């Protein structure tokens, strides 16, 4: 699927939001002919090294991001 890239993908490093290992995500993207895949775990970048190595092995270009949870604050007086 050249030309298509998932830009919001969570791995098992995103507690309660993802379950796949970074290596498996890269393998599946390569199986589907994708040339790139983003890893956007929630509140962490802990899986990026494993993901980058797996993407290099699978021939998939890694993209990195993070899904940050934050609490909006009310404007002051």
C-alpha atoms as a PDB file:
ATOM      1  CA  UNK A   1       0.000   0.000   0.000  1.00  0.00           C
ATOM      2  CA  UNK A   2       2.610   2.589  -1.052  1.00  0.00           C
ATOM      3  CA  UNK A   3       1.573   6.148  -0.400  1.00  0.00           C
ATOM      4  CA  UNK A   4      -0.552   5.304   2.644  1.00  0.00           C
ATOM      5  CA  UNK A   5       0.824   5.798   6.159  1.00  0.00           C
ATOM      6  CA  UNK A   6      -0.855   5.289   9.506  1.00  0.00           C
ATOM      7  CA  UNK A   7      -0.037   8.437  11.488  1.00  0.00           C
ATOM      8  CA  UNK A   8      -1.590   7.337  14.796  1.00  0.00           C
ATOM      9  CA  UNK A   9      -0.420   3.913  15.969  1.00  0.00           C
ATOM     10  CA  UNK A  10      -0.051   2.797  19.584  1.00  0.00           C
ATOM     11  CA  UNK A  11       2.100  -0.087  20.810  1.00  0.00           C
ATOM     12  CA  UNK A  12       2.068  -2.020  24.059  1.00  0.00           C
ATOM     13  CA  UNK A  13       4.001   0.837  25.634  1.00  0.00           C
ATOM     14  CA  UNK A  14       0.703   2.754  25.649  1.00  0.00           C
ATOM     15  CA  UNK A  15      -0.953   1.229  28.678  1.00  0.00           C
ATOM     16  CA  UNK A  16      -4.649   0.562  27.958  1.00  0.00           C
ATOM     17  CA  UNK A  17      -4.336   1.995  24.413  1.00  0.00           C
ATOM     18  CA  UNK A  18      -2.225  -0.500  22.481  1.00  0.00           C
ATOM     19  CA  UNK A  19      -1.116  -4.127  22.712  1.00  0.00           C
ATOM     20  CA  UNK A  20       1.214  -4.865  19.790  1.00  0.00           C
ATOM     21  CA  UNK A  21       4.973  -5.031  20.114  1.00  0.00           C
ATOM     22  CA  UNK A  22       6.855  -2.442  18.029  1.00  0.00           C
ATOM     23  CA  UNK A  23       8.504  -5.261  16.055  1.00  0.00           C
ATOM     24  CA  UNK A  24       5.139  -6.731  15.109  1.00  0.00           C
ATOM     25  CA  UNK A  25       3.815  -3.358  13.981  1.00  0.00           C
ATOM     26  CA  UNK A  26       6.796  -2.929  11.636  1.00  0.00           C
ATOM     27  CA  UNK A  27       6.461  -6.478  10.305  1.00  0.00           C
ATOM     28  CA  UNK A  28       2.760  -6.052   9.565  1.00  0.00           C
ATOM     29  CA  UNK A  29       3.342  -2.717   7.822  1.00  0.00           C
ATOM     30  CA  UNK A  30       5.981  -4.344   5.596  1.00  0.00           C
ATOM     31  CA  UNK A  31       3.658  -7.284   4.838  1.00  0.00           C
ATOM     32  CA  UNK A  32       1.057  -4.789   3.630  1.00  0.00           C
ATOM     33  CA  UNK A  33       3.559  -2.964   1.411  1.00  0.00           C
ATOM     34  CA  UNK A  34       3.540   0.242   3.454  1.00  0.00           C
ATOM     35  CA  UNK A  35       6.658   2.359   3.041  1.00  0.00           C
ATOM     36  CA  UNK A  36       6.289   4.222   6.375  1.00  0.00           C
ATOM     37  CA  UNK A  37       4.557   3.877   9.751  1.00  0.00           C
ATOM     38  CA  UNK A  38       4.211   6.253  12.693  1.00  0.00           C
ATOM     39  CA  UNK A  39       4.462   5.225  16.339  1.00  0.00           C
ATOM     40  CA  UNK A  40       2.495   7.604  18.565  1.00  0.00           C
ATOM     41  CA  UNK A  41       2.334   6.032  22.000  1.00  0.00           C
ATOM     42  CA  UNK A  42       0.418   7.722  24.790  1.00  0.00           C
ATOM     43  CA  UNK A  43       2.575   9.789  27.159  1.00  0.00           C
ATOM     44  CA  UNK A  44       5.813   7.968  26.321  1.00  0.00           C
ATOM     45  CA  UNK A  45       8.578   7.563  23.774  1.00  0.00           C
ATOM     46  CA  UNK A  46       9.841   4.367  25.426  1.00  0.00           C
ATOM     47  CA  UNK A  47       9.238   2.137  22.396  1.00  0.00           C
ATOM     48  CA  UNK A  48      10.954   4.307  19.801  1.00  0.00           C
ATOM     49  CA  UNK A  49      14.342   2.518  19.806  1.00  0.00           C
ATOM     50  CA  UNK A  50      12.781  -0.916  19.378  1.00  0.00           C
ATOM     51  CA  UNK A  51      10.441   0.510  16.732  1.00  0.00           C
ATOM     52  CA  UNK A  52      13.280   2.194  14.799  1.00  0.00           C
ATOM     53  CA  UNK A  53      15.355  -1.001  14.775  1.00  0.00           C
ATOM     54  CA  UNK A  54      12.362  -3.089  13.713  1.00  0.00           C
ATOM     55  CA  UNK A  55      11.500  -0.662  10.920  1.00  0.00           C
ATOM     56  CA  UNK A  56      15.089  -0.711   9.643  1.00  0.00           C
ATOM     57  CA  UNK A  57      14.984  -4.512   9.548  1.00  0.00           C
ATOM     58  CA  UNK A  58      11.576  -4.543   7.818  1.00  0.00           C
ATOM     59  CA  UNK A  59      12.394  -1.796   5.307  1.00  0.00           C
ATOM     60  CA  UNK A  60       9.751   0.582   6.643  1.00  0.00           C
ATOM     61  CA  UNK A  61      10.473   4.265   7.307  1.00  0.00           C
ATOM     62  CA  UNK A  62       9.733   5.053  10.969  1.00  0.00           C
ATOM     63  CA  UNK A  63       7.902   8.199  12.000  1.00  0.00           C
ATOM     64  CA  UNK A  64       7.727   9.256  15.642  1.00  0.00           C
ATOM     65  CA  UNK A  65       5.189  11.164  17.673  1.00  0.00           C
ATOM     66  CA  UNK A  66       3.550  11.114  21.063  1.00  0.00           C
ATOM     67  CA  UNK A  67      -0.056  11.362  22.196  1.00  0.00           C
ATOM     68  CA  UNK A  68       0.221  13.602  25.254  1.00  0.00           C
ATOM     69  CA  UNK A  69      -2.585  13.669  27.792  1.00  0.00           C
ATOM     70  CA  UNK A  70      -2.878  16.961  29.602  1.00  0.00           C
ATOM     71  CA  UNK A  71      -5.382  18.717  31.786  1.00  0.00           C
ATOM     72  CA  UNK A  72      -6.514  22.050  30.423  1.00  0.00           C
ATOM     73  CA  UNK A  73      -6.360  24.827  32.969  1.00  0.00           C
ATOM     74  CA  UNK A  74      -8.935  27.561  33.305  1.00  0.00           C
ATOM     75  CA  UNK A  75      -7.730  31.047  32.395  1.00  0.00           C
ATOM     76  CA  UNK A  76      -6.729  33.124  35.413  1.00  0.00           C
ATOM     77  CA  UNK A  77      -8.529  36.275  36.572  1.00  0.00           C
END
